[in-house]
Amino acid sequence: MRIGDLAAATGVSRRLLRYYEEQGLLRPRRLPNGYREYSAVDVAAVRHIRRLLAAGLPTAVIVRFLHCVRDEMPLASCPEMVTNLRRERERIAEEIGRLETSRHLLDAMLDDAG
């Protein structure tokens, strides 16, 4: 399938699909005329990429263990992914803590302001 077909199948724009390719997340086959050719595996990969991005992981982290989800491997068989997911969860928890502190300080200032 061509990039337009992949965009339609995944709901992801062509521009974003090209960005994923630039980041090494997608590796479509190139036809002799230079067109990209995608497969059903790429449809699944894009869905996994979107899910991981929505969970807060940057593309630099995703590219290191995308092979774990591309092949539908269970997480237990890919310890580097589990490690990265735990690290990202901890980072998010710390950020939530900072945001809650900020909210409490703003609440206190607003209370003082009347």
Protein backbone atom coordinates (compact mmCIF):
# COMPACT_ATOMS: atom_id res chain seq x y z
CA MET A 1 0.00 0.00 0.00
CA ARG A 2 1.10 3.57 -0.60
CA ILE A 3 1.42 6.32 1.98
CA GLY A 4 -2.10 7.62 1.30
CA ASP A 5 -3.51 4.17 1.98
CA LEU A 6 -1.56 3.93 5.22
CA ALA A 7 -2.78 7.38 6.24
CA ALA A 8 -6.38 6.33 5.58
CA ALA A 9 -5.97 3.01 7.41
CA THR A 10 -4.45 4.60 10.52
CA GLY A 11 -5.92 8.10 10.61
CA VAL A 12 -2.40 9.54 10.67
CA SER A 13 -1.43 12.26 8.20
CA ARG A 14 1.07 11.62 5.42
CA ARG A 15 3.30 14.30 6.90
CA LEU A 16 3.37 12.54 10.27
CA LEU A 17 4.06 9.19 8.61
CA ARG A 18 7.05 10.75 6.86
CA TYR A 19 8.21 12.11 10.22
CA TYR A 20 7.95 8.61 11.71
CA GLU A 21 10.13 7.39 8.87
CA GLU A 22 12.68 10.17 9.49
CA GLN A 23 12.80 9.13 13.15
CA GLY A 24 13.41 5.49 12.20
CA LEU A 25 10.03 4.30 13.46
CA LEU A 26 8.87 3.17 10.02
CA ARG A 27 11.00 1.60 7.33
CA PRO A 28 8.88 1.25 4.21
CA ARG A 29 10.14 -0.57 1.19
CA ARG A 30 11.06 1.75 -1.67
CA LEU A 31 9.82 0.89 -5.13
CA PRO A 32 12.06 1.50 -8.16
CA ASN A 33 10.13 4.71 -8.85
CA GLY A 34 10.94 5.96 -5.32
CA TYR A 35 7.45 5.50 -3.91
CA ARG A 36 7.11 4.11 -0.41
CA GLU A 37 5.36 0.78 -0.08
CA TYR A 38 3.81 -0.15 3.26
CA SER A 39 2.36 -3.42 4.51
CA ALA A 40 -0.14 -4.55 7.13
CA VAL A 41 2.80 -4.75 9.56
CA ASP A 42 3.25 -1.00 9.14
CA VAL A 43 -0.43 -0.40 9.94
CA ALA A 44 0.04 -2.24 13.24
CA ALA A 45 3.33 -0.40 13.88
CA VAL A 46 1.67 3.00 13.42
CA ARG A 47 -1.06 2.04 15.87
CA HIS A 48 1.57 0.99 18.41
CA ILE A 49 3.56 4.18 17.82
CA ARG A 50 0.45 6.30 18.41
CA ARG A 51 -0.35 4.41 21.60
CA LEU A 52 3.19 4.80 22.94
CA LEU A 53 3.27 8.50 22.03
CA ALA A 54 -0.09 8.99 23.78
CA ALA A 55 1.43 7.34 26.85
CA GLY A 56 4.09 10.06 26.86
CA LEU A 57 7.08 8.26 25.41
CA PRO A 58 9.30 10.28 23.06
CA THR A 59 10.16 8.89 19.63
CA ALA A 60 13.80 8.47 20.67
CA VAL A 61 12.69 5.95 23.30
CA ILE A 62 10.08 4.28 21.11
CA VAL A 63 12.54 3.59 18.30
CA ARG A 64 14.74 1.55 20.66
CA PHE A 65 12.07 -1.02 21.43
CA LEU A 66 9.42 -0.75 18.74
CA HIS A 67 10.46 -4.22 17.57
CA CYS A 68 8.93 -5.56 20.78
CA VAL A 69 5.44 -4.41 19.86
CA ARG A 70 5.79 -4.73 16.11
CA ASP A 71 6.11 -8.48 16.44
CA GLU A 72 3.35 -8.68 19.07
CA MET A 73 5.83 -10.05 21.60
CA PRO A 74 4.66 -10.18 25.21
CA LEU A 75 6.25 -7.45 27.32
CA ALA A 76 8.00 -10.00 29.54
CA SER A 77 10.10 -11.10 26.57
CA CYS A 78 11.34 -7.55 26.03
CA PRO A 79 12.90 -6.34 29.30
CA GLU A 80 14.31 -3.15 27.74
CA MET A 81 10.77 -2.06 26.94
CA VAL A 82 9.55 -2.80 30.44
CA THR A 83 12.47 -0.81 31.86
CA ASN A 84 11.72 2.15 29.61
CA LEU A 85 8.01 2.04 30.42
CA ARG A 86 8.76 2.02 34.15
CA ARG A 87 11.20 4.91 33.76
CA GLU A 88 8.66 6.91 31.78
CA ARG A 89 5.94 6.19 34.33
CA GLU A 90 8.21 7.48 37.10
CA ARG A 91 9.00 10.62 35.11
CA ILE A 92 5.30 11.27 34.60
CA ALA A 93 4.57 10.70 38.32
CA GLU A 94 7.26 13.24 39.22
CA GLU A 95 5.81 15.76 36.77
CA ILE A 96 2.33 15.25 38.24
CA GLY A 97 3.79 15.96 41.68
CA ARG A 98 5.36 19.21 40.44
CA LEU A 99 2.10 20.24 38.80
CA GLU A 100 0.10 19.51 41.95
CA THR A 101 2.51 21.65 43.97
CA SER A 102 2.10 24.47 41.46
CA ARG A 103 -1.68 24.17 41.62
CA HIS A 104 -1.67 24.33 45.42
CA LEU A 105 0.55 27.42 45.36
CA LEU A 106 -1.73 29.10 42.82
CA ASP A 107 -4.78 28.18 44.90
CA ALA A 108 -3.17 29.77 47.95
CA MET A 109 -2.36 32.97 46.02
CA LEU A 110 -5.92 33.12 44.69
CA ASP A 111 -7.32 32.59 48.18
CA ASP A 112 -5.15 35.47 49.45
CA ALA A 113 -6.34 37.65 46.57
CA GLY A 114 -9.92 37.18 47.71
